[in-house]
Amino acid sequence: MTTALAAVTAACAVANAAIAVADLARAPFVLTNSAEVGVAPRWIPYLASLKMAGAVGLLVGLAAAPWLGLAAAGGLTMFFIGAVIVHIRTRVLHNIAFPAMFLLLAVGALTYFASAVN
């Protein structure tokens, strides 16, 4: 189980780094999705920074500092709970699977680090 959760944690880091790069590159799908849920384009780089910080924190947590990984996983979990709530509140449900997938990965990473720190 620990190996599976470590793999989920690594996948979470890679997925968040990839979407942060897409955010910073202002990929068309990012701009479209953000507009649909009412996120102003000026907020995208700030949100990308949070995702990238979470990805780096997860990787550092895996390599050397589980307490930092725990903090990063907790932050990403809260971030994506917020994203799912925004999708529900704005009734943009056709693509809710994406923030939900990121949320599940973050919860898996949180579970991994919660067991690693104890």
PDB file of N, CA and C in Angstrom:
ATOM      1  N   MET A   1       0.825  -1.194   0.000  1.00  0.00           N
ATOM      2  CA  MET A   1       0.000   0.000   0.000  1.00  0.00           C
ATOM      3  C   MET A   1       0.867   1.254   0.000  1.00  0.00           C
ATOM      4  N   THR A   2       1.956   1.231   0.761  1.00  0.00           N
ATOM      5  CA  THR A   2       2.832   2.395   0.827  1.00  0.00           C
ATOM      6  C   THR A   2       3.434   2.703  -0.536  1.00  0.00           C
ATOM      7  N   THR A   3       3.820   1.683  -1.279  1.00  0.00           N
ATOM      8  CA  THR A   3       4.389   1.885  -2.610  1.00  0.00           C
ATOM      9  C   THR A   3       3.356   2.500  -3.544  1.00  0.00           C
ATOM     10  N   ALA A   4       2.123   2.031  -3.463  1.00  0.00           N
ATOM     11  CA  ALA A   4       1.055   2.582  -4.303  1.00  0.00           C
ATOM     12  C   ALA A   4       0.804   4.045  -3.966  1.00  0.00           C
ATOM     13  N   LEU A   5       0.771   4.372  -2.676  1.00  0.00           N
ATOM     14  CA  LEU A   5       0.542   5.763  -2.284  1.00  0.00           C
ATOM     15  C   LEU A   5       1.725   6.650  -2.662  1.00  0.00           C
ATOM     16  N   ALA A   6       2.936   6.121  -2.612  1.00  0.00           N
ATOM     17  CA  ALA A   6       4.103   6.888  -3.064  1.00  0.00           C
ATOM     18  C   ALA A   6       3.996   7.162  -4.564  1.00  0.00           C
ATOM     19  N   ALA A   7       3.512   6.186  -5.329  1.00  0.00           N
ATOM     20  CA  ALA A   7       3.318   6.381  -6.767  1.00  0.00           C
ATOM     21  C   ALA A   7       2.238   7.419  -7.032  1.00  0.00           C
ATOM     22  N   VAL A   8       1.159   7.385  -6.257  1.00  0.00           N
ATOM     23  CA  VAL A   8       0.099   8.386  -6.382  1.00  0.00           C
ATOM     24  C   VAL A   8       0.656   9.772  -6.060  1.00  0.00           C
ATOM     25  N   THR A   9       1.510   9.847  -5.045  1.00  0.00           N
ATOM     26  CA  THR A   9       2.122  11.123  -4.663  1.00  0.00           C
ATOM     27  C   THR A   9       2.998  11.659  -5.788  1.00  0.00           C
ATOM     28  N   ALA A  10       3.800  10.792  -6.386  1.00  0.00           N
ATOM     29  CA  ALA A  10       4.632  11.211  -7.517  1.00  0.00           C
ATOM     30  C   ALA A  10       3.762  11.653  -8.693  1.00  0.00           C
ATOM     31  N   ALA A  11       2.685  10.924  -8.957  1.00  0.00           N
ATOM     32  CA  ALA A  11       1.763  11.304 -10.033  1.00  0.00           C
ATOM     33  C   ALA A  11       1.118  12.655  -9.744  1.00  0.00           C
ATOM     34  N   CYS A  12       0.793  12.896  -8.489  1.00  0.00           N
ATOM     35  CA  CYS A  12       0.209  14.176  -8.090  1.00  0.00           C
ATOM     36  C   CYS A  12       1.193  15.309  -8.360  1.00  0.00           C
ATOM     37  N   ALA A  13       2.454  15.100  -8.023  1.00  0.00           N
ATOM     38  CA  ALA A  13       3.482  16.121  -8.261  1.00  0.00           C
ATOM     39  C   ALA A  13       3.630  16.405  -9.755  1.00  0.00           C
ATOM     40  N   VAL A  14       3.698  15.358 -10.551  1.00  0.00           N
ATOM     41  CA  VAL A  14       3.861  15.519 -12.003  1.00  0.00           C
ATOM     42  C   VAL A  14       2.632  16.209 -12.606  1.00  0.00           C
ATOM     43  N   ALA A  15       1.448  15.789 -12.208  1.00  0.00           N
ATOM     44  CA  ALA A  15       0.222  16.375 -12.746  1.00  0.00           C
ATOM     45  C   ALA A  15       0.122  17.862 -12.399  1.00  0.00           C
ATOM     46  N   ASN A  16       0.453  18.217 -11.161  1.00  0.00           N
ATOM     47  CA  ASN A  16       0.367  19.619 -10.765  1.00  0.00           C
ATOM     48  C   ASN A  16       1.430  20.464 -11.440  1.00  0.00           C
ATOM     49  N   ALA A  17       2.626  19.928 -11.610  1.00  0.00           N
ATOM     50  CA  ALA A  17       3.666  20.667 -12.332  1.00  0.00           C
ATOM     51  C   ALA A  17       3.246  20.887 -13.784  1.00  0.00           C
ATOM     52  N   ALA A  18       2.672  19.855 -14.395  1.00  0.00           N
ATOM     53  CA  ALA A  18       2.249  19.961 -15.795  1.00  0.00           C
ATOM     54  C   ALA A  18       1.134  20.994 -15.966  1.00  0.00           C
ATOM     55  N   ILE A  19       0.154  20.988 -15.093  1.00  0.00           N
ATOM     56  CA  ILE A  19      -0.941  21.949 -15.240  1.00  0.00           C
ATOM     57  C   ILE A  19      -0.468  23.358 -14.899  1.00  0.00           C
ATOM     58  N   ALA A  20       0.487  23.479 -13.987  1.00  0.00           N
ATOM     59  CA  ALA A  20       1.042  24.801 -13.687  1.00  0.00           C
ATOM     60  C   ALA A  20       1.764  25.369 -14.909  1.00  0.00           C
ATOM     61  N   VAL A  21       2.504  24.523 -15.611  1.00  0.00           N
ATOM     62  CA  VAL A  21       3.178  24.966 -16.836  1.00  0.00           C
ATOM     63  C   VAL A  21       2.141  25.381 -17.882  1.00  0.00           C
ATOM     64  N   ALA A  22       1.069  24.608 -18.022  1.00  0.00           N
ATOM     65  CA  ALA A  22       0.000  24.964 -18.965  1.00  0.00           C
ATOM     66  C   ALA A  22      -0.649  26.289 -18.569  1.00  0.00           C
ATOM     67  N   ASP A  23      -0.845  26.492 -17.263  1.00  0.00           N
ATOM     68  CA  ASP A  23      -1.400  27.761 -16.782  1.00  0.00           C
ATOM     69  C   ASP A  23      -0.489  28.922 -17.161  1.00  0.00           C
ATOM     70  N   LEU A  24       0.799  28.771 -16.879  1.00  0.00           N
ATOM     71  CA  LEU A  24       1.750  29.855 -17.151  1.00  0.00           C
ATOM     72  C   LEU A  24       1.900  30.119 -18.647  1.00  0.00           C
ATOM     73  N   ALA A  25       1.726  29.087 -19.460  1.00  0.00           N
ATOM     74  CA  ALA A  25       1.794  29.235 -20.909  1.00  0.00           C
ATOM     75  C   ALA A  25       0.484  29.781 -21.483  1.00  0.00           C
ATOM     76  N   ARG A  26      -0.496  29.944 -20.620  1.00  0.00           N
ATOM     77  CA  ARG A  26      -1.826  30.423 -21.025  1.00  0.00           C
ATOM     78  C   ARG A  26      -2.398  29.558 -22.161  1.00  0.00           C
ATOM     79  N   ALA A  27      -2.350  28.267 -21.933  1.00  0.00           N
ATOM     80  CA  ALA A  27      -2.909  27.322 -22.905  1.00  0.00           C
ATOM     81  C   ALA A  27      -4.389  27.651 -23.120  1.00  0.00           C
ATOM     82  N   PRO A  28      -4.860  27.520 -24.344  1.00  0.00           N
ATOM     83  CA  PRO A  28      -6.261  27.871 -24.635  1.00  0.00           C
ATOM     84  C   PRO A  28      -7.276  27.156 -23.739  1.00  0.00           C
ATOM     85  N   PHE A  29      -7.056  25.876 -23.435  1.00  0.00           N
ATOM     86  CA  PHE A  29      -8.017  25.171 -22.582  1.00  0.00           C
ATOM     87  C   PHE A  29      -8.039  25.747 -21.174  1.00  0.00           C
ATOM     88  N   VAL A  30      -6.902  26.245 -20.701  1.00  0.00           N
ATOM     89  CA  VAL A  30      -6.852  26.869 -19.373  1.00  0.00           C
ATOM     90  C   VAL A  30      -7.676  28.145 -19.367  1.00  0.00           C
ATOM     91  N   LEU A  31      -7.489  28.983 -20.387  1.00  0.00           N
ATOM     92  CA  LEU A  31      -8.236  30.240 -20.466  1.00  0.00           C
ATOM     93  C   LEU A  31      -9.732  29.993 -20.613  1.00  0.00           C
ATOM     94  N   THR A  32     -10.095  28.995 -21.400  1.00  0.00           N
ATOM     95  CA  THR A  32     -11.517  28.670 -21.588  1.00  0.00           C
ATOM     96  C   THR A  32     -12.139  28.172 -20.294  1.00  0.00           C
ATOM     97  N   ASN A  33     -11.483  27.229 -19.640  1.00  0.00           N
ATOM     98  CA  ASN A  33     -12.024  26.680 -18.395  1.00  0.00           C
ATOM     99  C   ASN A  33     -12.100  27.745 -17.305  1.00  0.00           C
ATOM    100  N   SER A  34     -11.087  28.576 -17.208  1.00  0.00           N
ATOM    101  CA  SER A  34     -11.075  29.626 -16.193  1.00  0.00           C
ATOM    102  C   SER A  34     -12.210  30.617 -16.424  1.00  0.00           C
ATOM    103  N   ALA A  35     -12.416  30.988 -17.663  1.00  0.00           N
ATOM    104  CA  ALA A  35     -13.502  31.920 -17.985  1.00  0.00           C
ATOM    105  C   ALA A  35     -14.863  31.320 -17.647  1.00  0.00           C
ATOM    106  N   GLU A  36     -15.022  30.035 -17.907  1.00  0.00           N
ATOM    107  CA  GLU A  36     -16.306  29.385 -17.626  1.00  0.00           C
ATOM    108  C   GLU A  36     -16.675  29.428 -16.151  1.00  0.00           C
ATOM    109  N   VAL A  37     -15.688  29.321 -15.278  1.00  0.00           N
ATOM    110  CA  VAL A  37     -15.985  29.321 -13.837  1.00  0.00           C
ATOM    111  C   VAL A  37     -15.790  30.693 -13.197  1.00  0.00           C
ATOM    112  N   GLY A  38     -15.481  31.695 -14.016  1.00  0.00           N
ATOM    113  CA  GLY A  38     -15.394  33.061 -13.512  1.00  0.00           C
ATOM    114  C   GLY A  38     -14.067  33.457 -12.906  1.00  0.00           C
ATOM    115  N   VAL A  39     -12.990  32.754 -13.245  1.00  0.00           N
ATOM    116  CA  VAL A  39     -11.659  33.127 -12.756  1.00  0.00           C
ATOM    117  C   VAL A  39     -11.049  34.107 -13.754  1.00  0.00           C
ATOM    118  N   ALA A  40     -10.690  35.283 -13.267  1.00  0.00           N
ATOM    119  CA  ALA A  40     -10.104  36.303 -14.127  1.00  0.00           C
ATOM    120  C   ALA A  40      -8.721  35.858 -14.614  1.00  0.00           C
ATOM    121  N   PRO A  41      -8.392  36.177 -15.851  1.00  0.00           N
ATOM    122  CA  PRO A  41      -7.086  35.774 -16.393  1.00  0.00           C
ATOM    123  C   PRO A  41      -5.898  36.263 -15.549  1.00  0.00           C
ATOM    124  N   ARG A  42      -6.035  37.377 -14.878  1.00  0.00           N
ATOM    125  CA  ARG A  42      -4.918  37.891 -14.074  1.00  0.00           C
ATOM    126  C   ARG A  42      -4.612  37.005 -12.879  1.00  0.00           C
ATOM    127  N   TRP A  43      -5.556  36.147 -12.483  1.00  0.00           N
ATOM    128  CA  TRP A  43      -5.345  35.243 -11.342  1.00  0.00           C
ATOM    129  C   TRP A  43      -4.613  33.962 -11.722  1.00  0.00           C
ATOM    130  N   ILE A  44      -4.579  33.650 -13.000  1.00  0.00           N
ATOM    131  CA  ILE A  44      -4.017  32.373 -13.445  1.00  0.00           C
ATOM    132  C   ILE A  44      -2.551  32.183 -13.030  1.00  0.00           C
ATOM    133  N   PRO A  45      -1.675  33.180 -13.188  1.00  0.00           N
ATOM    134  CA  PRO A  45      -0.285  32.958 -12.751  1.00  0.00           C
ATOM    135  C   PRO A  45      -0.159  32.707 -11.249  1.00  0.00           C
ATOM    136  N   TYR A  46      -0.995  33.341 -10.455  1.00  0.00           N
ATOM    137  CA  TYR A  46      -0.951  33.123  -9.005  1.00  0.00           C
ATOM    138  C   TYR A  46      -1.398  31.700  -8.657  1.00  0.00           C
ATOM    139  N   LEU A  47      -2.452  31.245  -9.308  1.00  0.00           N
ATOM    140  CA  LEU A  47      -2.931  29.881  -9.075  1.00  0.00           C
ATOM    141  C   LEU A  47      -1.900  28.860  -9.561  1.00  0.00           C
ATOM    142  N   ALA A  48      -1.248  29.168 -10.688  1.00  0.00           N
ATOM    143  CA  ALA A  48      -0.191  28.287 -11.197  1.00  0.00           C
ATOM    144  C   ALA A  48       0.957  28.195 -10.199  1.00  0.00           C
ATOM    145  N   SER A  49       1.290  29.313  -9.562  1.00  0.00           N
ATOM    146  CA  SER A  49       2.368  29.315  -8.564  1.00  0.00           C
ATOM    147  C   SER A  49       2.035  28.414  -7.388  1.00  0.00           C
ATOM    148  N   LEU A  50       0.781  28.425  -6.969  1.00  0.00           N
ATOM    149  CA  LEU A  50       0.372  27.547  -5.872  1.00  0.00           C
ATOM    150  C   LEU A  50       0.493  26.081  -6.263  1.00  0.00           C
ATOM    151  N   LYS A  51       0.075  25.751  -7.475  1.00  0.00           N
ATOM    152  CA  LYS A  51       0.171  24.365  -7.945  1.00  0.00           C
ATOM    153  C   LYS A  51       1.630  23.919  -8.057  1.00  0.00           C
ATOM    154  N   MET A  52       2.479  24.804  -8.589  1.00  0.00           N
ATOM    155  CA  MET A  52       3.890  24.447  -8.736  1.00  0.00           C
ATOM    156  C   MET A  52       4.558  24.318  -7.369  1.00  0.00           C
ATOM    157  N   ALA A  53       4.219  25.198  -6.445  1.00  0.00           N
ATOM    158  CA  ALA A  53       4.779  25.089  -5.094  1.00  0.00           C
ATOM    159  C   ALA A  53       4.355  23.774  -4.452  1.00  0.00           C
ATOM    160  N   GLY A  54       3.103  23.378  -4.666  1.00  0.00           N
ATOM    161  CA  GLY A  54       2.641  22.098  -4.141  1.00  0.00           C
ATOM    162  C   GLY A  54       3.399  20.929  -4.751  1.00  0.00           C
ATOM    163  N   ALA A  55       3.624  20.987  -6.065  1.00  0.00           N
ATOM    164  CA  ALA A  55       4.363  19.910  -6.741  1.00  0.00           C
ATOM    165  C   ALA A  55       5.786  19.805  -6.210  1.00  0.00           C
ATOM    166  N   VAL A  56       6.450  20.938  -6.060  1.00  0.00           N
ATOM    167  CA  VAL A  56       7.825  20.932  -5.545  1.00  0.00           C
ATOM    168  C   VAL A  56       7.838  20.423  -4.106  1.00  0.00           C
ATOM    169  N   GLY A  57       6.874  20.865  -3.307  1.00  0.00           N
ATOM    170  CA  GLY A  57       6.791  20.404  -1.920  1.00  0.00           C
ATOM    171  C   GLY A  57       6.598  18.901  -1.820  1.00  0.00           C
ATOM    172  N   LEU A  58       5.795  18.348  -2.704  1.00  0.00           N
ATOM    173  CA  LEU A  58       5.598  16.894  -2.705  1.00  0.00           C
ATOM    174  C   LEU A  58       6.901  16.171  -3.042  1.00  0.00           C
ATOM    175  N   LEU A  59       7.608  16.669  -4.035  1.00  0.00           N
ATOM    176  CA  LEU A  59       8.863  16.014  -4.439  1.00  0.00           C
ATOM    177  C   LEU A  59       9.925  16.117  -3.344  1.00  0.00           C
ATOM    178  N   VAL A  60      10.023  17.285  -2.712  1.00  0.00           N
ATOM    179  CA  VAL A  60      10.976  17.431  -1.608  1.00  0.00           C
ATOM    180  C   VAL A  60      10.556  16.530  -0.447  1.00  0.00           C
ATOM    181  N   GLY A  61       9.256  16.418  -0.236  1.00  0.00           N
ATOM    182  CA  GLY A  61       8.748  15.532   0.813  1.00  0.00           C
ATOM    183  C   GLY A  61       9.101  14.081   0.553  1.00  0.00           C
ATOM    184  N   LEU A  62       8.988  13.663  -0.692  1.00  0.00           N
ATOM    185  CA  LEU A  62       9.352  12.286  -1.040  1.00  0.00           C
ATOM    186  C   LEU A  62      10.846  12.048  -0.879  1.00  0.00           C
ATOM    187  N   ALA A  63      11.643  13.047  -1.208  1.00  0.00           N
ATOM    188  CA  ALA A  63      13.096  12.876  -1.200  1.00  0.00           C
ATOM    189  C   ALA A  63      13.713  13.021   0.180  1.00  0.00           C
ATOM    190  N   ALA A  64      13.207  13.975   0.983  1.00  0.00           N
ATOM    191  CA  ALA A  64      13.965  14.268   2.204  1.00  0.00           C
ATOM    192  C   ALA A  64      13.162  14.771   3.396  1.00  0.00           C
ATOM    193  N   ALA A  65      12.058  15.436   3.167  1.00  0.00           N
ATOM    194  CA  ALA A  65      11.371  16.107   4.276  1.00  0.00           C
ATOM    195  C   ALA A  65       9.877  15.779   4.260  1.00  0.00           C
ATOM    196  N   PRO A  66       9.480  14.654   4.846  1.00  0.00           N
ATOM    197  CA  PRO A  66       8.069  14.271   4.818  1.00  0.00           C
ATOM    198  C   PRO A  66       7.125  15.333   5.398  1.00  0.00           C
ATOM    199  N   TRP A  67       7.593  16.096   6.372  1.00  0.00           N
ATOM    200  CA  TRP A  67       6.738  17.145   6.945  1.00  0.00           C
ATOM    201  C   TRP A  67       6.392  18.196   5.892  1.00  0.00           C
ATOM    202  N   LEU A  68       7.323  18.493   4.977  1.00  0.00           N
ATOM    203  CA  LEU A  68       7.042  19.453   3.908  1.00  0.00           C
ATOM    204  C   LEU A  68       6.072  18.845   2.903  1.00  0.00           C
ATOM    205  N   GLY A  69       6.238  17.569   2.622  1.00  0.00           N
ATOM    206  CA  GLY A  69       5.298  16.878   1.748  1.00  0.00           C
ATOM    207  C   GLY A  69       3.895  16.876   2.323  1.00  0.00           C
ATOM    208  N   LEU A  70       3.802  16.687   3.645  1.00  0.00           N
ATOM    209  CA  LEU A  70       2.497  16.723   4.312  1.00  0.00           C
ATOM    210  C   LEU A  70       1.851  18.087   4.150  1.00  0.00           C
ATOM    211  N   ALA A  71       2.623  19.146   4.350  1.00  0.00           N
ATOM    212  CA  ALA A  71       2.092  20.505   4.189  1.00  0.00           C
ATOM    213  C   ALA A  71       1.663  20.763   2.747  1.00  0.00           C
ATOM    214  N   ALA A  72       2.482  20.331   1.800  1.00  0.00           N
ATOM    215  CA  ALA A  72       2.152  20.527   0.384  1.00  0.00           C
ATOM    216  C   ALA A  72       0.898  19.749   0.002  1.00  0.00           C
ATOM    217  N   ALA A  73       0.804  18.514   0.460  1.00  0.00           N
ATOM    218  CA  ALA A  73      -0.373  17.697   0.152  1.00  0.00           C
ATOM    219  C   ALA A  73      -1.629  18.304   0.775  1.00  0.00           C
ATOM    220  N   GLY A  74      -1.505  18.816   1.986  1.00  0.00           N
ATOM    221  CA  GLY A  74      -2.645  19.473   2.622  1.00  0.00           C
ATOM    222  C   GLY A  74      -3.066  20.723   1.865  1.00  0.00           C
ATOM    223  N   GLY A  75      -2.090  21.506   1.425  1.00  0.00           N
ATOM    224  CA  GLY A  75      -2.402  22.707   0.650  1.00  0.00           C
ATOM    225  C   GLY A  75      -3.067  22.375  -0.676  1.00  0.00           C
ATOM    226  N   LEU A  76      -2.552  21.373  -1.376  1.00  0.00           N
ATOM    227  CA  LEU A  76      -3.164  20.976  -2.648  1.00  0.00           C
ATOM    228  C   LEU A  76      -4.565  20.413  -2.438  1.00  0.00           C
ATOM    229  N   THR A  77      -4.757  19.684  -1.362  1.00  0.00           N
ATOM    230  CA  THR A  77      -6.097  19.152  -1.067  1.00  0.00           C
ATOM    231  C   THR A  77      -7.077  20.307  -0.876  1.00  0.00           C
ATOM    232  N   MET A  78      -6.698  21.297  -0.094  1.00  0.00           N
ATOM    233  CA  MET A  78      -7.581  22.451   0.109  1.00  0.00           C
ATOM    234  C   MET A  78      -7.810  23.217  -1.187  1.00  0.00           C
ATOM    235  N   PHE A  79      -6.756  23.371  -1.981  1.00  0.00           N
ATOM    236  CA  PHE A  79      -6.858  24.070  -3.257  1.00  0.00           C
ATOM    237  C   PHE A  79      -7.914  23.399  -4.146  1.00  0.00           C
ATOM    238  N   PHE A  80      -7.829  22.086  -4.267  1.00  0.00           N
ATOM    239  CA  PHE A  80      -8.732  21.396  -5.183  1.00  0.00           C
ATOM    240  C   PHE A  80     -10.125  21.179  -4.602  1.00  0.00           C
ATOM    241  N   ILE A  81     -10.264  21.185  -3.281  1.00  0.00           N
ATOM    242  CA  ILE A  81     -11.616  21.248  -2.702  1.00  0.00           C
ATOM    243  C   ILE A  81     -12.261  22.548  -3.157  1.00  0.00           C
ATOM    244  N   GLY A  82     -11.493  23.631  -3.079  1.00  0.00           N
ATOM    245  CA  GLY A  82     -11.998  24.921  -3.553  1.00  0.00           C
ATOM    246  C   GLY A  82     -12.358  24.891  -5.026  1.00  0.00           C
ATOM    247  N   ALA A  83     -11.528  24.254  -5.849  1.00  0.00           N
ATOM    248  CA  ALA A  83     -11.802  24.179  -7.282  1.00  0.00           C
ATOM    249  C   ALA A  83     -13.091  23.410  -7.567  1.00  0.00           C
ATOM    250  N   VAL A  84     -13.284  22.300  -6.862  1.00  0.00           N
ATOM    251  CA  VAL A  84     -14.516  21.521  -7.052  1.00  0.00           C
ATOM    252  C   VAL A  84     -15.730  22.348  -6.619  1.00  0.00           C
ATOM    253  N   ILE A  85     -15.611  23.051  -5.497  1.00  0.00           N
ATOM    254  CA  ILE A  85     -16.713  23.903  -5.025  1.00  0.00           C
ATOM    255  C   ILE A  85     -17.042  24.990  -6.052  1.00  0.00           C
ATOM    256  N   VAL A  86     -16.019  25.612  -6.624  1.00  0.00           N
ATOM    257  CA  VAL A  86     -16.250  26.648  -7.639  1.00  0.00           C
ATOM    258  C   VAL A  86     -16.986  26.054  -8.835  1.00  0.00           C
ATOM    259  N   HIS A  87     -16.596  24.869  -9.268  1.00  0.00           N
ATOM    260  CA  HIS A  87     -17.287  24.230 -10.394  1.00  0.00           C
ATOM    261  C   HIS A  87     -18.752  23.962 -10.054  1.00  0.00           C
ATOM    262  N   ILE A  88     -19.011  23.511  -8.853  1.00  0.00           N
ATOM    263  CA  ILE A  88     -20.391  23.221  -8.456  1.00  0.00           C
ATOM    264  C   ILE A  88     -21.202  24.509  -8.357  1.00  0.00           C
ATOM    265  N   ARG A  89     -20.637  25.526  -7.711  1.00  0.00           N
ATOM    266  CA  ARG A  89     -21.362  26.796  -7.523  1.00  0.00           C
ATOM    267  C   ARG A  89     -21.669  27.483  -8.839  1.00  0.00           C
ATOM    268  N   THR A  90     -20.774  27.370  -9.809  1.00  0.00           N
ATOM    269  CA  THR A  90     -21.000  28.010 -11.106  1.00  0.00           C
ATOM    270  C   THR A  90     -21.739  27.089 -12.077  1.00  0.00           C
ATOM    271  N   ARG A  91     -22.044  25.890 -11.620  1.00  0.00           N
ATOM    272  CA  ARG A  91     -22.756  24.881 -12.411  1.00  0.00           C
ATOM    273  C   ARG A  91     -22.018  24.511 -13.702  1.00  0.00           C
ATOM    274  N   VAL A  92     -20.699  24.504 -13.613  1.00  0.00           N
ATOM    275  CA  VAL A  92     -19.862  24.056 -14.734  1.00  0.00           C
ATOM    276  C   VAL A  92     -19.439  22.636 -14.387  1.00  0.00           C
ATOM    277  N   LEU A  93     -20.301  21.704 -14.765  1.00  0.00           N
ATOM    278  CA  LEU A  93     -20.101  20.317 -14.358  1.00  0.00           C
ATOM    279  C   LEU A  93     -19.536  19.436 -15.470  1.00  0.00           C
ATOM    280  N   HIS A  94     -19.520  19.926 -16.696  1.00  0.00           N
ATOM    281  CA  HIS A  94     -19.076  19.090 -17.807  1.00  0.00           C
ATOM    282  C   HIS A  94     -17.599  18.721 -17.711  1.00  0.00           C
ATOM    283  N   ASN A  95     -16.818  19.502 -16.950  1.00  0.00           N
ATOM    284  CA  ASN A  95     -15.398  19.187 -16.823  1.00  0.00           C
ATOM    285  C   ASN A  95     -14.956  19.098 -15.361  1.00  0.00           C
ATOM    286  N   ILE A  96     -15.891  18.810 -14.480  1.00  0.00           N
ATOM    287  CA  ILE A  96     -15.572  18.714 -13.051  1.00  0.00           C
ATOM    288  C   ILE A  96     -14.668  17.515 -12.745  1.00  0.00           C
ATOM    289  N   ALA A  97     -14.589  16.580 -13.673  1.00  0.00           N
ATOM    290  CA  ALA A  97     -13.739  15.405 -13.459  1.00  0.00           C
ATOM    291  C   ALA A  97     -12.270  15.801 -13.306  1.00  0.00           C
ATOM    292  N   PHE A  98     -11.861  16.874 -13.946  1.00  0.00           N
ATOM    293  CA  PHE A  98     -10.448  17.268 -13.863  1.00  0.00           C
ATOM    294  C   PHE A  98     -10.066  17.766 -12.471  1.00  0.00           C
ATOM    295  N   PRO A  99     -10.774  18.757 -11.899  1.00  0.00           N
ATOM    296  CA  PRO A  99     -10.398  19.125 -10.525  1.00  0.00           C
ATOM    297  C   PRO A  99     -10.650  17.991  -9.538  1.00  0.00           C
ATOM    298  N   ALA A 100     -11.644  17.156  -9.810  1.00  0.00           N
ATOM    299  CA  ALA A 100     -11.905  16.016  -8.924  1.00  0.00           C
ATOM    300  C   ALA A 100     -10.748  15.020  -8.971  1.00  0.00           C
ATOM    301  N   MET A 101     -10.180  14.800 -10.157  1.00  0.00           N
ATOM    302  CA  MET A 101      -9.033  13.902 -10.273  1.00  0.00           C
ATOM    303  C   MET A 101      -7.827  14.465  -9.515  1.00  0.00           C
ATOM    304  N   PHE A 102      -7.578  15.755  -9.691  1.00  0.00           N
ATOM    305  CA  PHE A 102      -6.482  16.387  -8.958  1.00  0.00           C
ATOM    306  C   PHE A 102      -6.719  16.307  -7.451  1.00  0.00           C
ATOM    307  N   LEU A 103      -7.953  16.462  -7.034  1.00  0.00           N
ATOM    308  CA  LEU A 103      -8.300  16.343  -5.610  1.00  0.00           C
ATOM    309  C   LEU A 103      -8.008  14.937  -5.099  1.00  0.00           C
ATOM    310  N   LEU A 104      -8.392  13.932  -5.842  1.00  0.00           N
ATOM    311  CA  LEU A 104      -8.136  12.554  -5.417  1.00  0.00           C
ATOM    312  C   LEU A 104      -6.641  12.261  -5.322  1.00  0.00           C
ATOM    313  N   LEU A 105      -5.870  12.773  -6.280  1.00  0.00           N
ATOM    314  CA  LEU A 105      -4.416  12.601  -6.206  1.00  0.00           C
ATOM    315  C   LEU A 105      -3.851  13.283  -4.964  1.00  0.00           C
ATOM    316  N   ALA A 106      -4.340  14.488  -4.675  1.00  0.00           N
ATOM    317  CA  ALA A 106      -3.856  15.223  -3.496  1.00  0.00           C
ATOM    318  C   ALA A 106      -4.228  14.498  -2.208  1.00  0.00           C
ATOM    319  N   VAL A 107      -5.423  13.932  -2.141  1.00  0.00           N
ATOM    320  CA  VAL A 107      -5.829  13.170  -0.955  1.00  0.00           C
ATOM    321  C   VAL A 107      -4.952  11.925  -0.804  1.00  0.00           C
ATOM    322  N   GLY A 108      -4.618  11.285  -1.915  1.00  0.00           N
ATOM    323  CA  GLY A 108      -3.703  10.137  -1.858  1.00  0.00           C
ATOM    324  C   GLY A 108      -2.339  10.547  -1.319  1.00  0.00           C
ATOM    325  N   ALA A 109      -1.834  11.692  -1.776  1.00  0.00           N
ATOM    326  CA  ALA A 109      -0.548  12.188  -1.283  1.00  0.00           C
ATOM    327  C   ALA A 109      -0.642  12.550   0.193  1.00  0.00           C
ATOM    328  N   LEU A 110      -1.747  13.139   0.582  1.00  0.00           N
ATOM    329  CA  LEU A 110      -1.948  13.491   1.995  1.00  0.00           C
ATOM    330  C   LEU A 110      -1.969  12.234   2.856  1.00  0.00           C
ATOM    331  N   THR A 111      -2.611  11.204   2.377  1.00  0.00           N
ATOM    332  CA  THR A 111      -2.650   9.936   3.093  1.00  0.00           C
ATOM    333  C   THR A 111      -1.245   9.342   3.231  1.00  0.00           C
ATOM    334  N   TYR A 112      -0.480   9.399   2.143  1.00  0.00           N
ATOM    335  CA  TYR A 112       0.883   8.881   2.172  1.00  0.00           C
ATOM    336  C   TYR A 112       1.722   9.613   3.218  1.00  0.00           C
ATOM    337  N   PHE A 113       1.703  10.929   3.171  1.00  0.00           N
ATOM    338  CA  PHE A 113       2.549  11.689   4.096  1.00  0.00           C
ATOM    339  C   PHE A 113       2.043  11.634   5.533  1.00  0.00           C
ATOM    340  N   ALA A 114       0.743  11.515   5.713  1.00  0.00           N
ATOM    341  CA  ALA A 114       0.215  11.379   7.074  1.00  0.00           C
ATOM    342  C   ALA A 114       0.748  10.112   7.721  1.00  0.00           C
ATOM    343  N   SER A 115       0.857   9.046   6.938  1.00  0.00           N
ATOM    344  CA  SER A 115       1.404   7.799   7.499  1.00  0.00           C
ATOM    345  C   SER A 115       2.921   7.855   7.613  1.00  0.00           C
ATOM    346  N   ALA A 116       3.581   8.594   6.741  1.00  0.00           N
ATOM    347  CA  ALA A 116       5.050   8.678   6.755  1.00  0.00           C
ATOM    348  C   ALA A 116       5.556   9.537   7.913  1.00  0.00           C
ATOM    349  N   VAL A 117       4.813  10.569   8.270  1.00  0.00           N
ATOM    350  CA  VAL A 117       5.248  11.471   9.337  1.00  0.00           C
ATOM    351  C   VAL A 117       5.079  10.820  10.699  1.00  0.00           C
ATOM    352  N   ASN A 118       4.067   9.977  10.836  1.00  0.00           N
ATOM    353  CA  ASN A 118       3.822   9.325  12.142  1.00  0.00           C
ATOM    354  C   ASN A 118       4.727   8.172  12.384  1.00  0.00           C
TER     355      ASN A 118
END
